[in-house]
Amino acid sequence: MAVATAGPSARNAANNANRQANTNAGRAGATSAAGGAAGAGANAILNAVAGAGTYADGRNAVSPDTGKEAAGLKPGGGQADQGQTTAQDAGAQVGVAGAGGGGGSNGGEVSNPQRSMLAQTPTGDAAGGKPDYLQMFNHLAKWEGGLSRDASDAASKHPCPDPYNGQYGWHTNKGVTWETFQSAAPLLGYSKTDSKKFFAMTDDLVKKIFKAKYWDAVKGDEYNSQVVANIFSQWAWGSGVTGSLRVLKGVVEVNSWDEAPAKINDLIAKDGERAVFEALMQHRRDYLISISKPGSDNNKFQKGWLRRHDEFYELNSKLVDGGQAPQMGG
C-alpha cells in the first residue's frame, strides 16, 4: 500500500492549529497520552494532508466534482453555536448536518422532546463478537434535533409534500431526511409516502434506518475493531456513503466500501488499533477544518463540527484496546 505523509514541520503545524481551533483540554490530554505510544504508527498510516486543504495524492479537499462543500458535506439547520447536525441521503449521497442546536429559535425546527431518551445508552446486538451498531447511537442522537423545515439546510430541496401542524416544508426528523426515509422504505417494509410515520419518527425507526442505510453500507459488521466500525458508520451518517468513501481514500487506497474491511483489518493487525484510530480521527478532523476555513460558507459551522468530532474522539478513545463503553446521560 502506497502511503504518503506530511513532513514533520507541516504535521506539527497542522496539529497545533487543530488544537487551537477547538480542542478542549480533555481531548488534548487523551491525544497526548495515546500519541506517545501510537504516534509513529498513525503517521505511517496517515495518507492525508501535505498542506492545508490538499490530500497527499494531490486532490483538493474541496474538489471540483462536489463543489465548495467536498464529499457531500453541506450545512444543516439550526443555530451555529450549538453543534446540531442533520443527514441527507440523495441516493448514495448524504449531506451533513451543519452546526445548529435542535429546537432553535429560527422558527424552522420543532424541538425534540425525546432527545434525553434517545441519548441514553441503548442495547445493541453484538452477537458473535461483531461490532455493535448501536454502541455510539447515543452520541449520534445527542447531536440531532427534532423535526426541521429550515430552508438553509440542503435537505430542504426535498421536503415531505404533506403538512404538519398546518405548515409545509418539513424535510428532516431526528437527523433522518425525507429522502433518506423514502430510500429506506423498501429495505424496512413501510410505504415511502407514509408521512405520518416520518413525522412520528420513533427511536426504533431511526436505529433501523441507521443500520440499513449507513452501518451496513460501510460494512460495519466486518471490522476487527468496534471503534473503526463506529468511525465509518458515523462518517457515512454525516457525509454520506459515497462522500465518506472519498474521505477514506485520503487514508487508504480503496475503490469501494467492499474493499475497506480487509485493508483496514490488515492495518490493525500490522500497526495496532490505537494507531489506526488516531490516523482516521486526525484525518477526519483535518478534513473538517479544510472545508470550513475562514471566509468559506462553512466556517460558521466549524465550531459545532469540531465539538461533535472531539466528543466522538473522547468516547471512542476509551474503547480502544478493549476499554469499556462510556455511559452518556440525556
C-alpha atoms as a PDB file:
ATOM      1  CA  MET A   1       0.000   0.000   0.000  1.00  0.00           C
ATOM      2  CA  ALA A   2       1.438   3.354  -1.039  1.00  0.00           C
ATOM      3  CA  VAL A   3       1.382   5.777   1.839  1.00  0.00           C
ATOM      4  CA  ALA A   4       2.299   9.451   1.755  1.00  0.00           C
ATOM      5  CA  THR A   5       2.796  11.565   4.843  1.00  0.00           C
ATOM      6  CA  ALA A   6       3.334  15.209   5.581  1.00  0.00           C
ATOM      7  CA  GLY A   7       6.743  16.370   6.709  1.00  0.00           C
ATOM      8  CA  PRO A   8       7.330  16.814  10.466  1.00  0.00           C
ATOM      9  CA  SER A   9       7.062  20.592  10.390  1.00  0.00           C
ATOM     10  CA  ALA A  10       3.862  20.565   8.343  1.00  0.00           C
ATOM     11  CA  ARG A  11       2.329  17.875  10.533  1.00  0.00           C
ATOM     12  CA  ASN A  12       3.283  19.690  13.726  1.00  0.00           C
ATOM     13  CA  ALA A  13       1.889  22.949  12.406  1.00  0.00           C
ATOM     14  CA  ALA A  14      -1.352  21.261  11.406  1.00  0.00           C
ATOM     15  CA  ASN A  15      -1.680  19.566  14.767  1.00  0.00           C
ATOM     16  CA  ASN A  16      -1.017  22.819  16.621  1.00  0.00           C
ATOM     17  CA  ALA A  17      -3.597  24.625  14.507  1.00  0.00           C
ATOM     18  CA  ASN A  18      -6.126  21.896  15.140  1.00  0.00           C
ATOM     19  CA  ARG A  19      -5.666  22.055  18.888  1.00  0.00           C
ATOM     20  CA  GLN A  20      -6.061  25.820  18.842  1.00  0.00           C
ATOM     21  CA  ALA A  21      -9.092  25.595  16.567  1.00  0.00           C
ATOM     22  CA  ASN A  22     -11.314  23.913  19.100  1.00  0.00           C
ATOM     23  CA  THR A  23      -9.593  21.101  21.010  1.00  0.00           C
ATOM     24  CA  ASN A  24     -10.536  21.044  24.669  1.00  0.00           C
ATOM     25  CA  ALA A  25      -8.175  20.109  27.451  1.00  0.00           C
ATOM     26  CA  GLY A  26      -9.665  16.654  27.878  1.00  0.00           C
ATOM     27  CA  ARG A  27      -9.096  15.679  24.264  1.00  0.00           C
ATOM     28  CA  ALA A  28      -5.649  17.172  24.286  1.00  0.00           C
ATOM     29  CA  GLY A  29      -4.799  15.043  27.320  1.00  0.00           C
ATOM     30  CA  ALA A  30      -6.169  11.903  25.721  1.00  0.00           C
ATOM     31  CA  THR A  31      -4.329  12.601  22.490  1.00  0.00           C
ATOM     32  CA  SER A  32      -1.087  13.246  24.338  1.00  0.00           C
ATOM     33  CA  ALA A  33      -1.355  10.026  26.319  1.00  0.00           C
ATOM     34  CA  ALA A  34      -2.186   7.941  23.283  1.00  0.00           C
ATOM     35  CA  GLY A  35       0.078   9.797  20.917  1.00  0.00           C
ATOM     36  CA  GLY A  36       3.311   8.731  22.575  1.00  0.00           C
ATOM     37  CA  ALA A  37       2.518   5.078  22.004  1.00  0.00           C
ATOM     38  CA  ALA A  38       0.731   5.320  18.687  1.00  0.00           C
ATOM     39  CA  GLY A  39       2.103   8.439  17.020  1.00  0.00           C
ATOM     40  CA  ALA A  40       4.656   6.679  14.846  1.00  0.00           C
ATOM     41  CA  GLY A  41       2.144   4.092  13.683  1.00  0.00           C
ATOM     42  CA  ALA A  42      -0.503   6.715  12.998  1.00  0.00           C
ATOM     43  CA  ASN A  43       1.872   8.823  10.916  1.00  0.00           C
ATOM     44  CA  ALA A  44       2.881   5.734   8.951  1.00  0.00           C
ATOM     45  CA  ILE A  45      -0.774   5.029   8.154  1.00  0.00           C
ATOM     46  CA  LEU A  46      -1.944   8.561   7.563  1.00  0.00           C
ATOM     47  CA  ASN A  47      -2.229   9.338   3.866  1.00  0.00           C
ATOM     48  CA  ALA A  48      -3.725  12.727   4.436  1.00  0.00           C
ATOM     49  CA  VAL A  49      -2.784  16.380   4.080  1.00  0.00           C
ATOM     50  CA  ALA A  50       0.626  17.540   2.935  1.00  0.00           C
ATOM     51  CA  GLY A  51      -0.714  21.075   3.082  1.00  0.00           C
ATOM     52  CA  ALA A  52      -3.916  22.744   4.175  1.00  0.00           C
ATOM     53  CA  GLY A  53      -6.826  21.515   2.094  1.00  0.00           C
ATOM     54  CA  THR A  54      -4.787  19.123  -0.062  1.00  0.00           C
ATOM     55  CA  TYR A  55      -4.645  15.340   0.138  1.00  0.00           C
ATOM     56  CA  ALA A  56      -1.347  13.538  -0.358  1.00  0.00           C
ATOM     57  CA  ASP A  57      -2.377  12.354  -3.811  1.00  0.00           C
ATOM     58  CA  GLY A  58      -2.778  15.951  -4.945  1.00  0.00           C
ATOM     59  CA  ARG A  59      -6.587  16.229  -4.801  1.00  0.00           C
ATOM     60  CA  ASN A  60      -8.026  19.331  -3.201  1.00  0.00           C
ATOM     61  CA  ALA A  61     -10.184  18.695  -0.158  1.00  0.00           C
ATOM     62  CA  VAL A  62     -12.730  20.930  -1.853  1.00  0.00           C
ATOM     63  CA  SER A  63     -12.885  19.033  -5.106  1.00  0.00           C
ATOM     64  CA  PRO A  64     -14.362  20.137  -8.451  1.00  0.00           C
ATOM     65  CA  ASP A  65     -16.803  17.236  -8.653  1.00  0.00           C
ATOM     66  CA  THR A  66     -18.500  18.165  -5.398  1.00  0.00           C
ATOM     67  CA  GLY A  67     -18.186  21.932  -5.386  1.00  0.00           C
ATOM     68  CA  LYS A  68     -17.107  24.012  -2.445  1.00  0.00           C
ATOM     69  CA  GLU A  69     -18.512  21.539   0.090  1.00  0.00           C
ATOM     70  CA  ALA A  70     -16.489  18.421  -0.633  1.00  0.00           C
ATOM     71  CA  ALA A  71     -17.753  14.874  -0.219  1.00  0.00           C
ATOM     72  CA  GLY A  72     -21.362  15.898   0.161  1.00  0.00           C
ATOM     73  CA  LEU A  73     -20.809  17.872   3.348  1.00  0.00           C
ATOM     74  CA  LYS A  74     -23.431  20.575   3.490  1.00  0.00           C
ATOM     75  CA  PRO A  75     -24.700  22.906   6.191  1.00  0.00           C
ATOM     76  CA  GLY A  76     -27.627  21.771   8.263  1.00  0.00           C
ATOM     77  CA  GLY A  77     -30.294  23.683  10.084  1.00  0.00           C
ATOM     78  CA  GLY A  78     -30.427  25.324  13.453  1.00  0.00           C
ATOM     79  CA  GLN A  79     -28.135  27.669  15.297  1.00  0.00           C
ATOM     80  CA  ALA A  80     -24.426  27.579  14.627  1.00  0.00           C
ATOM     81  CA  ASP A  81     -23.305  27.820  18.231  1.00  0.00           C
ATOM     82  CA  GLN A  82     -24.734  24.523  19.443  1.00  0.00           C
ATOM     83  CA  GLY A  83     -23.427  21.971  17.000  1.00  0.00           C
ATOM     84  CA  GLN A  84     -26.505  20.058  15.821  1.00  0.00           C
ATOM     85  CA  THR A  85     -26.244  18.133  12.577  1.00  0.00           C
ATOM     86  CA  THR A  86     -28.654  16.590  10.131  1.00  0.00           C
ATOM     87  CA  ALA A  87     -28.076  13.994   7.411  1.00  0.00           C
ATOM     88  CA  GLN A  88     -29.436  13.807   3.879  1.00  0.00           C
ATOM     89  CA  ASP A  89     -29.276  10.775   1.648  1.00  0.00           C
ATOM     90  CA  ALA A  90     -29.813  11.561  -2.006  1.00  0.00           C
ATOM     91  CA  GLY A  91     -29.464   8.072  -3.342  1.00  0.00           C
ATOM     92  CA  ALA A  92     -25.987   7.225  -2.131  1.00  0.00           C
ATOM     93  CA  GLN A  93     -25.056  10.827  -1.334  1.00  0.00           C
ATOM     94  CA  VAL A  94     -25.811  12.340   2.050  1.00  0.00           C
ATOM     95  CA  GLY A  95     -25.486  15.944   3.105  1.00  0.00           C
ATOM     96  CA  VAL A  96     -24.072  16.620   6.538  1.00  0.00           C
ATOM     97  CA  ALA A  97     -25.550  18.474   9.115  1.00  0.00           C
ATOM     98  CA  GLY A  98     -24.371  21.738   9.972  1.00  0.00           C
ATOM     99  CA  ALA A  99     -23.903  23.092  13.388  1.00  0.00           C
ATOM    100  CA  GLY A 100     -27.070  24.392  14.914  1.00  0.00           C
ATOM    101  CA  GLY A 101     -28.908  23.446  18.053  1.00  0.00           C
ATOM    102  CA  GLY A 102     -32.066  21.403  17.904  1.00  0.00           C
ATOM    103  CA  GLY A 103     -35.231  23.296  18.646  1.00  0.00           C
ATOM    104  CA  GLY A 104     -33.642  26.600  17.747  1.00  0.00           C
ATOM    105  CA  SER A 105     -35.439  29.898  17.657  1.00  0.00           C
ATOM    106  CA  ASN A 106     -35.285  30.269  13.893  1.00  0.00           C
ATOM    107  CA  GLY A 107     -38.860  29.068  13.543  1.00  0.00           C
ATOM    108  CA  GLY A 108     -37.832  26.280  11.199  1.00  0.00           C
ATOM    109  CA  GLU A 109     -37.362  23.472  13.649  1.00  0.00           C
ATOM    110  CA  VAL A 110     -39.508  21.679  16.201  1.00  0.00           C
ATOM    111  CA  SER A 111     -37.663  20.705  19.351  1.00  0.00           C
ATOM    112  CA  ASN A 112     -37.207  17.032  20.112  1.00  0.00           C
ATOM    113  CA  PRO A 113     -38.898  16.204  23.432  1.00  0.00           C
ATOM    114  CA  GLN A 114     -37.361  12.714  23.379  1.00  0.00           C
ATOM    115  CA  ARG A 115     -33.758  13.867  22.986  1.00  0.00           C
ATOM    116  CA  SER A 116     -32.825  12.773  26.508  1.00  0.00           C
ATOM    117  CA  MET A 117     -34.360   9.350  25.862  1.00  0.00           C
ATOM    118  CA  LEU A 118     -32.502   8.997  22.570  1.00  0.00           C
ATOM    119  CA  ALA A 119     -29.240   9.922  24.245  1.00  0.00           C
ATOM    120  CA  GLN A 120     -29.429   7.136  26.788  1.00  0.00           C
ATOM    121  CA  THR A 121     -27.087   4.210  26.205  1.00  0.00           C
ATOM    122  CA  PRO A 122     -29.004   1.743  24.005  1.00  0.00           C
ATOM    123  CA  THR A 123     -28.805  -2.015  23.980  1.00  0.00           C
ATOM    124  CA  GLY A 124     -27.332  -3.325  20.764  1.00  0.00           C
ATOM    125  CA  ASP A 125     -26.831  -6.753  19.251  1.00  0.00           C
ATOM    126  CA  ALA A 126     -23.166  -7.714  19.356  1.00  0.00           C
ATOM    127  CA  ALA A 127     -23.710 -11.437  18.941  1.00  0.00           C
ATOM    128  CA  GLY A 128     -20.798 -13.449  17.603  1.00  0.00           C
ATOM    129  CA  GLY A 129     -18.241 -10.857  18.610  1.00  0.00           C
ATOM    130  CA  LYS A 130     -19.205  -8.457  15.814  1.00  0.00           C
ATOM    131  CA  PRO A 131     -19.137  -4.707  16.437  1.00  0.00           C
ATOM    132  CA  ASP A 132     -22.318  -3.348  17.982  1.00  0.00           C
ATOM    133  CA  TYR A 133     -24.024  -0.912  15.613  1.00  0.00           C
ATOM    134  CA  LEU A 134     -25.830   0.835  18.469  1.00  0.00           C
ATOM    135  CA  GLN A 135     -22.822   1.480  20.668  1.00  0.00           C
ATOM    136  CA  MET A 136     -22.382   5.105  19.543  1.00  0.00           C
ATOM    137  CA  PHE A 137     -26.011   5.692  18.682  1.00  0.00           C
ATOM    138  CA  ASN A 138     -26.451   7.660  21.889  1.00  0.00           C
ATOM    139  CA  HIS A 139     -23.763  10.082  20.746  1.00  0.00           C
ATOM    140  CA  LEU A 140     -25.341  10.432  17.310  1.00  0.00           C
ATOM    141  CA  ALA A 141     -28.788  11.046  18.769  1.00  0.00           C
ATOM    142  CA  LYS A 142     -27.498  13.650  21.204  1.00  0.00           C
ATOM    143  CA  TRP A 143     -26.375  15.836  18.329  1.00  0.00           C
ATOM    144  CA  GLU A 144     -29.549  15.543  16.286  1.00  0.00           C
ATOM    145  CA  GLY A 145     -32.582  17.744  16.725  1.00  0.00           C
ATOM    146  CA  GLY A 146     -36.243  17.162  16.100  1.00  0.00           C
ATOM    147  CA  LEU A 147     -38.499  17.941  13.171  1.00  0.00           C
ATOM    148  CA  SER A 148     -36.972  20.611  10.915  1.00  0.00           C
ATOM    149  CA  ARG A 149     -38.055  22.778   7.993  1.00  0.00           C
ATOM    150  CA  ASP A 150     -35.002  25.041   7.974  1.00  0.00           C
ATOM    151  CA  ALA A 151     -34.706  26.433   4.457  1.00  0.00           C
ATOM    152  CA  SER A 152     -30.911  26.772   4.690  1.00  0.00           C
ATOM    153  CA  ASP A 153     -30.477  23.012   5.023  1.00  0.00           C
ATOM    154  CA  ALA A 154     -29.577  21.150   1.827  1.00  0.00           C
ATOM    155  CA  ALA A 155     -32.361  18.699   2.672  1.00  0.00           C
ATOM    156  CA  SER A 156     -34.913  21.476   2.129  1.00  0.00           C
ATOM    157  CA  LYS A 157     -34.688  20.742  -1.609  1.00  0.00           C
ATOM    158  CA  HIS A 158     -36.593  17.503  -0.977  1.00  0.00           C
ATOM    159  CA  PRO A 159     -39.223  18.112   1.717  1.00  0.00           C
ATOM    160  CA  CYS A 160     -42.121  15.926   2.671  1.00  0.00           C
ATOM    161  CA  PRO A 161     -45.072  17.005   0.475  1.00  0.00           C
ATOM    162  CA  ASP A 162     -47.561  16.800   3.324  1.00  0.00           C
ATOM    163  CA  PRO A 163     -48.186  19.395   6.034  1.00  0.00           C
ATOM    164  CA  TYR A 164     -47.544  19.074   9.764  1.00  0.00           C
ATOM    165  CA  ASN A 165     -49.374  21.391  12.141  1.00  0.00           C
ATOM    166  CA  GLY A 166     -50.594  23.308   9.109  1.00  0.00           C
ATOM    167  CA  GLN A 167     -47.109  24.014   7.766  1.00  0.00           C
ATOM    168  CA  TYR A 168     -45.241  22.639   4.761  1.00  0.00           C
ATOM    169  CA  GLY A 169     -41.552  22.172   4.056  1.00  0.00           C
ATOM    170  CA  TRP A 170     -40.594  19.629   6.722  1.00  0.00           C
ATOM    171  CA  HIS A 171     -37.546  17.743   5.494  1.00  0.00           C
ATOM    172  CA  THR A 172     -35.709  16.240   8.496  1.00  0.00           C
ATOM    173  CA  ASN A 173     -36.710  14.460  11.692  1.00  0.00           C
ATOM    174  CA  LYS A 174     -34.122  13.304  14.249  1.00  0.00           C
ATOM    175  CA  GLY A 175     -31.409  13.551  11.618  1.00  0.00           C
ATOM    176  CA  VAL A 176     -33.335  11.452   9.074  1.00  0.00           C
ATOM    177  CA  THR A 177     -34.302  13.369   5.948  1.00  0.00           C
ATOM    178  CA  TRP A 178     -37.469  12.751   3.976  1.00  0.00           C
ATOM    179  CA  GLU A 179     -35.310  11.490   1.112  1.00  0.00           C
ATOM    180  CA  THR A 180     -33.480   9.026   3.349  1.00  0.00           C
ATOM    181  CA  PHE A 181     -36.791   7.935   4.862  1.00  0.00           C
ATOM    182  CA  GLN A 182     -38.093   7.179   1.384  1.00  0.00           C
ATOM    183  CA  SER A 183     -34.987   5.340   0.219  1.00  0.00           C
ATOM    184  CA  ALA A 184     -35.064   3.138   3.330  1.00  0.00           C
ATOM    185  CA  ALA A 185     -38.715   2.160   2.816  1.00  0.00           C
ATOM    186  CA  PRO A 186     -38.088  -0.875   0.560  1.00  0.00           C
ATOM    187  CA  LEU A 187     -35.454  -2.163   2.979  1.00  0.00           C
ATOM    188  CA  LEU A 188     -37.626  -1.820   6.063  1.00  0.00           C
ATOM    189  CA  GLY A 189     -41.053  -2.673   4.661  1.00  0.00           C
ATOM    190  CA  TYR A 190     -43.038   0.536   5.019  1.00  0.00           C
ATOM    191  CA  SER A 191     -44.589   2.846   2.447  1.00  0.00           C
ATOM    192  CA  LYS A 192     -42.274   5.589   1.238  1.00  0.00           C
ATOM    193  CA  THR A 193     -45.225   8.002   1.152  1.00  0.00           C
ATOM    194  CA  ASP A 194     -46.191   7.396   4.796  1.00  0.00           C
ATOM    195  CA  SER A 195     -45.710  10.944   6.062  1.00  0.00           C
ATOM    196  CA  LYS A 196     -47.367  10.111   9.388  1.00  0.00           C
ATOM    197  CA  LYS A 197     -44.599   7.614  10.067  1.00  0.00           C
ATOM    198  CA  PHE A 198     -41.998  10.209   9.106  1.00  0.00           C
ATOM    199  CA  PHE A 199     -43.480  12.830  11.404  1.00  0.00           C
ATOM    200  CA  ALA A 200     -43.733  10.336  14.274  1.00  0.00           C
ATOM    201  CA  MET A 201     -40.134   9.052  13.712  1.00  0.00           C
ATOM    202  CA  THR A 202     -39.802   6.593  16.587  1.00  0.00           C
ATOM    203  CA  ASP A 203     -36.454   5.831  18.170  1.00  0.00           C
ATOM    204  CA  ASP A 204     -36.698   2.283  16.842  1.00  0.00           C
ATOM    205  CA  LEU A 205     -37.133   3.507  13.267  1.00  0.00           C
ATOM    206  CA  VAL A 206     -34.121   5.825  13.483  1.00  0.00           C
ATOM    207  CA  LYS A 207     -31.998   2.891  14.652  1.00  0.00           C
ATOM    208  CA  LYS A 208     -33.242   0.664  11.834  1.00  0.00           C
ATOM    209  CA  ILE A 209     -32.535   3.334   9.225  1.00  0.00           C
ATOM    210  CA  PHE A 210     -29.057   3.900  10.663  1.00  0.00           C
ATOM    211  CA  LYS A 211     -28.345   0.174  10.438  1.00  0.00           C
ATOM    212  CA  ALA A 212     -29.788  -0.380   6.960  1.00  0.00           C
ATOM    213  CA  LYS A 213     -28.559   2.765   5.223  1.00  0.00           C
ATOM    214  CA  TYR A 214     -25.251   3.535   6.912  1.00  0.00           C
ATOM    215  CA  TRP A 215     -23.778   0.788   9.105  1.00  0.00           C
ATOM    216  CA  ASP A 216     -24.435  -1.954   6.560  1.00  0.00           C
ATOM    217  CA  ALA A 217     -23.299   0.255   3.667  1.00  0.00           C
ATOM    218  CA  VAL A 218     -19.825   0.752   5.180  1.00  0.00           C
ATOM    219  CA  LYS A 219     -19.620  -2.957   6.156  1.00  0.00           C
ATOM    220  CA  GLY A 220     -19.733  -2.233   9.884  1.00  0.00           C
ATOM    221  CA  ASP A 221     -20.004  -5.886  10.917  1.00  0.00           C
ATOM    222  CA  GLU A 222     -16.781  -6.823   9.121  1.00  0.00           C
ATOM    223  CA  TYR A 223     -14.173  -4.802  11.018  1.00  0.00           C
ATOM    224  CA  ASN A 224     -11.983  -6.286  13.731  1.00  0.00           C
ATOM    225  CA  SER A 225     -12.486  -3.134  15.753  1.00  0.00           C
ATOM    226  CA  GLN A 226     -15.545  -1.600  17.364  1.00  0.00           C
ATOM    227  CA  VAL A 227     -14.113   1.915  17.152  1.00  0.00           C
ATOM    228  CA  VAL A 228     -13.328   1.625  13.440  1.00  0.00           C
ATOM    229  CA  ALA A 229     -16.884   0.482  12.727  1.00  0.00           C
ATOM    230  CA  ASN A 230     -18.131   3.387  14.845  1.00  0.00           C
ATOM    231  CA  ILE A 231     -15.991   5.848  12.888  1.00  0.00           C
ATOM    232  CA  PHE A 232     -17.032   4.755   9.421  1.00  0.00           C
ATOM    233  CA  SER A 233     -20.754   4.498  10.157  1.00  0.00           C
ATOM    234  CA  GLN A 234     -20.808   7.996  11.614  1.00  0.00           C
ATOM    235  CA  TRP A 235     -18.769   9.340   8.718  1.00  0.00           C
ATOM    236  CA  ALA A 236     -21.444   7.911   6.420  1.00  0.00           C
ATOM    237  CA  TRP A 237     -24.247   9.417   8.511  1.00  0.00           C
ATOM    238  CA  GLY A 238     -22.546  12.782   8.253  1.00  0.00           C
ATOM    239  CA  SER A 239     -21.023  12.871   4.761  1.00  0.00           C
ATOM    240  CA  GLY A 240     -22.966  10.137   3.009  1.00  0.00           C
ATOM    241  CA  VAL A 241     -21.863   6.672   1.967  1.00  0.00           C
ATOM    242  CA  THR A 242     -20.207   7.950  -1.213  1.00  0.00           C
ATOM    243  CA  GLY A 243     -18.837  11.112   0.372  1.00  0.00           C
ATOM    244  CA  SER A 244     -17.315   9.261   3.308  1.00  0.00           C
ATOM    245  CA  LEU A 245     -15.598   6.845   0.926  1.00  0.00           C
ATOM    246  CA  ARG A 246     -13.870   9.836  -0.671  1.00  0.00           C
ATOM    247  CA  VAL A 247     -12.642  10.863   2.766  1.00  0.00           C
ATOM    248  CA  LEU A 248     -11.381   7.326   3.465  1.00  0.00           C
ATOM    249  CA  LYS A 249      -9.454   7.358   0.190  1.00  0.00           C
ATOM    250  CA  GLY A 250      -7.274  10.038   1.744  1.00  0.00           C
ATOM    251  CA  VAL A 251      -6.068   7.443   4.254  1.00  0.00           C
ATOM    252  CA  VAL A 252      -6.019   4.098   2.429  1.00  0.00           C
ATOM    253  CA  GLU A 253      -6.228   3.021  -1.189  1.00  0.00           C
ATOM    254  CA  VAL A 254      -9.741   1.652  -1.671  1.00  0.00           C
ATOM    255  CA  ASN A 255     -12.182   1.789  -4.560  1.00  0.00           C
ATOM    256  CA  SER A 256     -15.297   0.774  -2.660  1.00  0.00           C
ATOM    257  CA  TRP A 257     -16.566   0.030   0.835  1.00  0.00           C
ATOM    258  CA  ASP A 258     -16.418  -3.657  -0.097  1.00  0.00           C
ATOM    259  CA  GLU A 259     -12.625  -3.375  -0.097  1.00  0.00           C
ATOM    260  CA  ALA A 260     -12.340  -1.435   3.144  1.00  0.00           C
ATOM    261  CA  PRO A 261     -12.683  -4.165   5.822  1.00  0.00           C
ATOM    262  CA  ALA A 262      -9.814  -6.330   4.538  1.00  0.00           C
ATOM    263  CA  LYS A 263      -7.448  -3.396   4.129  1.00  0.00           C
ATOM    264  CA  ILE A 264      -8.335  -1.774   7.440  1.00  0.00           C
ATOM    265  CA  ASN A 265      -8.146  -5.090   9.308  1.00  0.00           C
ATOM    266  CA  ASP A 266      -4.687  -5.668   7.840  1.00  0.00           C
ATOM    267  CA  LEU A 267      -3.601  -2.260   9.104  1.00  0.00           C
ATOM    268  CA  ILE A 268      -4.982  -3.016  12.567  1.00  0.00           C
ATOM    269  CA  ALA A 269      -3.055  -6.305  12.646  1.00  0.00           C
ATOM    270  CA  LYS A 270       0.125  -4.614  11.472  1.00  0.00           C
ATOM    271  CA  ASP A 271       0.127  -1.291  13.338  1.00  0.00           C
ATOM    272  CA  GLY A 272      -2.383  -1.768  16.135  1.00  0.00           C
ATOM    273  CA  GLU A 273      -5.874  -0.466  16.782  1.00  0.00           C
ATOM    274  CA  ARG A 274      -4.661   2.690  18.510  1.00  0.00           C
ATOM    275  CA  ALA A 275      -2.542   3.803  15.554  1.00  0.00           C
ATOM    276  CA  VAL A 276      -5.377   3.208  13.077  1.00  0.00           C
ATOM    277  CA  PHE A 277      -7.851   5.018  15.317  1.00  0.00           C
ATOM    278  CA  GLU A 278      -5.576   8.047  15.731  1.00  0.00           C
ATOM    279  CA  ALA A 279      -4.864   8.255  11.985  1.00  0.00           C
ATOM    280  CA  LEU A 280      -8.533   8.083  10.998  1.00  0.00           C
ATOM    281  CA  MET A 281      -9.659  10.609  13.582  1.00  0.00           C
ATOM    282  CA  GLN A 282      -6.889  13.089  12.766  1.00  0.00           C
ATOM    283  CA  HIS A 283      -7.643  12.808   9.053  1.00  0.00           C
ATOM    284  CA  ARG A 284     -11.323  13.488   9.618  1.00  0.00           C
ATOM    285  CA  ARG A 285     -10.572  16.493  11.817  1.00  0.00           C
ATOM    286  CA  ASP A 286      -8.164  17.906   9.239  1.00  0.00           C
ATOM    287  CA  TYR A 287     -10.824  17.389   6.586  1.00  0.00           C
ATOM    288  CA  LEU A 288     -13.497  19.247   8.552  1.00  0.00           C
ATOM    289  CA  ILE A 289     -11.140  22.167   9.080  1.00  0.00           C
ATOM    290  CA  SER A 290     -10.154  22.193   5.402  1.00  0.00           C
ATOM    291  CA  ILE A 291     -13.757  22.666   4.256  1.00  0.00           C
ATOM    292  CA  SER A 292     -14.641  25.295   6.848  1.00  0.00           C
ATOM    293  CA  LYS A 293     -11.808  27.788   6.586  1.00  0.00           C
ATOM    294  CA  PRO A 294     -12.354  31.479   7.410  1.00  0.00           C
ATOM    295  CA  GLY A 295     -14.219  33.145   4.578  1.00  0.00           C
ATOM    296  CA  SER A 296     -15.971  29.970   3.462  1.00  0.00           C
ATOM    297  CA  ASP A 297     -19.706  29.377   3.722  1.00  0.00           C
ATOM    298  CA  ASN A 298     -18.991  26.512   6.106  1.00  0.00           C
ATOM    299  CA  ASN A 299     -16.856  28.481   8.538  1.00  0.00           C
ATOM    300  CA  LYS A 300     -19.830  29.262  10.764  1.00  0.00           C
ATOM    301  CA  PHE A 301     -20.343  25.518  11.231  1.00  0.00           C
ATOM    302  CA  GLN A 302     -16.749  24.687  12.131  1.00  0.00           C
ATOM    303  CA  LYS A 303     -17.151  25.092  15.879  1.00  0.00           C
ATOM    304  CA  GLY A 304     -20.096  22.707  16.010  1.00  0.00           C
ATOM    305  CA  TRP A 305     -18.480  20.171  13.702  1.00  0.00           C
ATOM    306  CA  LEU A 306     -15.305  20.082  15.782  1.00  0.00           C
ATOM    307  CA  ARG A 307     -17.169  19.880  19.076  1.00  0.00           C
ATOM    308  CA  ARG A 308     -19.069  16.870  17.799  1.00  0.00           C
ATOM    309  CA  HIS A 309     -15.892  15.309  16.385  1.00  0.00           C
ATOM    310  CA  ASP A 310     -13.929  15.833  19.589  1.00  0.00           C
ATOM    311  CA  GLU A 311     -16.633  14.353  21.784  1.00  0.00           C
ATOM    312  CA  PHE A 312     -16.740  11.319  19.500  1.00  0.00           C
ATOM    313  CA  TYR A 313     -12.953  11.078  19.748  1.00  0.00           C
ATOM    314  CA  GLU A 314     -13.004  11.055  23.536  1.00  0.00           C
ATOM    315  CA  LEU A 315     -15.766   8.464  23.785  1.00  0.00           C
ATOM    316  CA  ASN A 316     -14.083   6.109  21.339  1.00  0.00           C
ATOM    317  CA  SER A 317     -10.575   6.640  22.662  1.00  0.00           C
ATOM    318  CA  LYS A 318     -11.762   4.959  25.851  1.00  0.00           C
ATOM    319  CA  LEU A 319     -12.836   1.922  23.837  1.00  0.00           C
ATOM    320  CA  VAL A 320      -9.549   1.378  22.025  1.00  0.00           C
ATOM    321  CA  ASP A 321      -7.760  -1.804  23.028  1.00  0.00           C
ATOM    322  CA  GLY A 322     -10.766  -3.246  24.807  1.00  0.00           C
ATOM    323  CA  GLY A 323     -11.859  -0.389  27.053  1.00  0.00           C
ATOM    324  CA  GLN A 324     -15.381  -0.065  28.433  1.00  0.00           C
ATOM    325  CA  ALA A 325     -18.078   1.854  26.618  1.00  0.00           C
ATOM    326  CA  PRO A 326     -18.763   5.126  28.436  1.00  0.00           C
ATOM    327  CA  GLN A 327     -22.247   5.986  29.684  1.00  0.00           C
ATOM    328  CA  MET A 328     -23.871   9.131  28.378  1.00  0.00           C
ATOM    329  CA  GLY A 329     -26.659  10.979  30.078  1.00  0.00           C
ATOM    330  CA  GLY A 330     -29.502  12.725  28.341  1.00  0.00           C
END
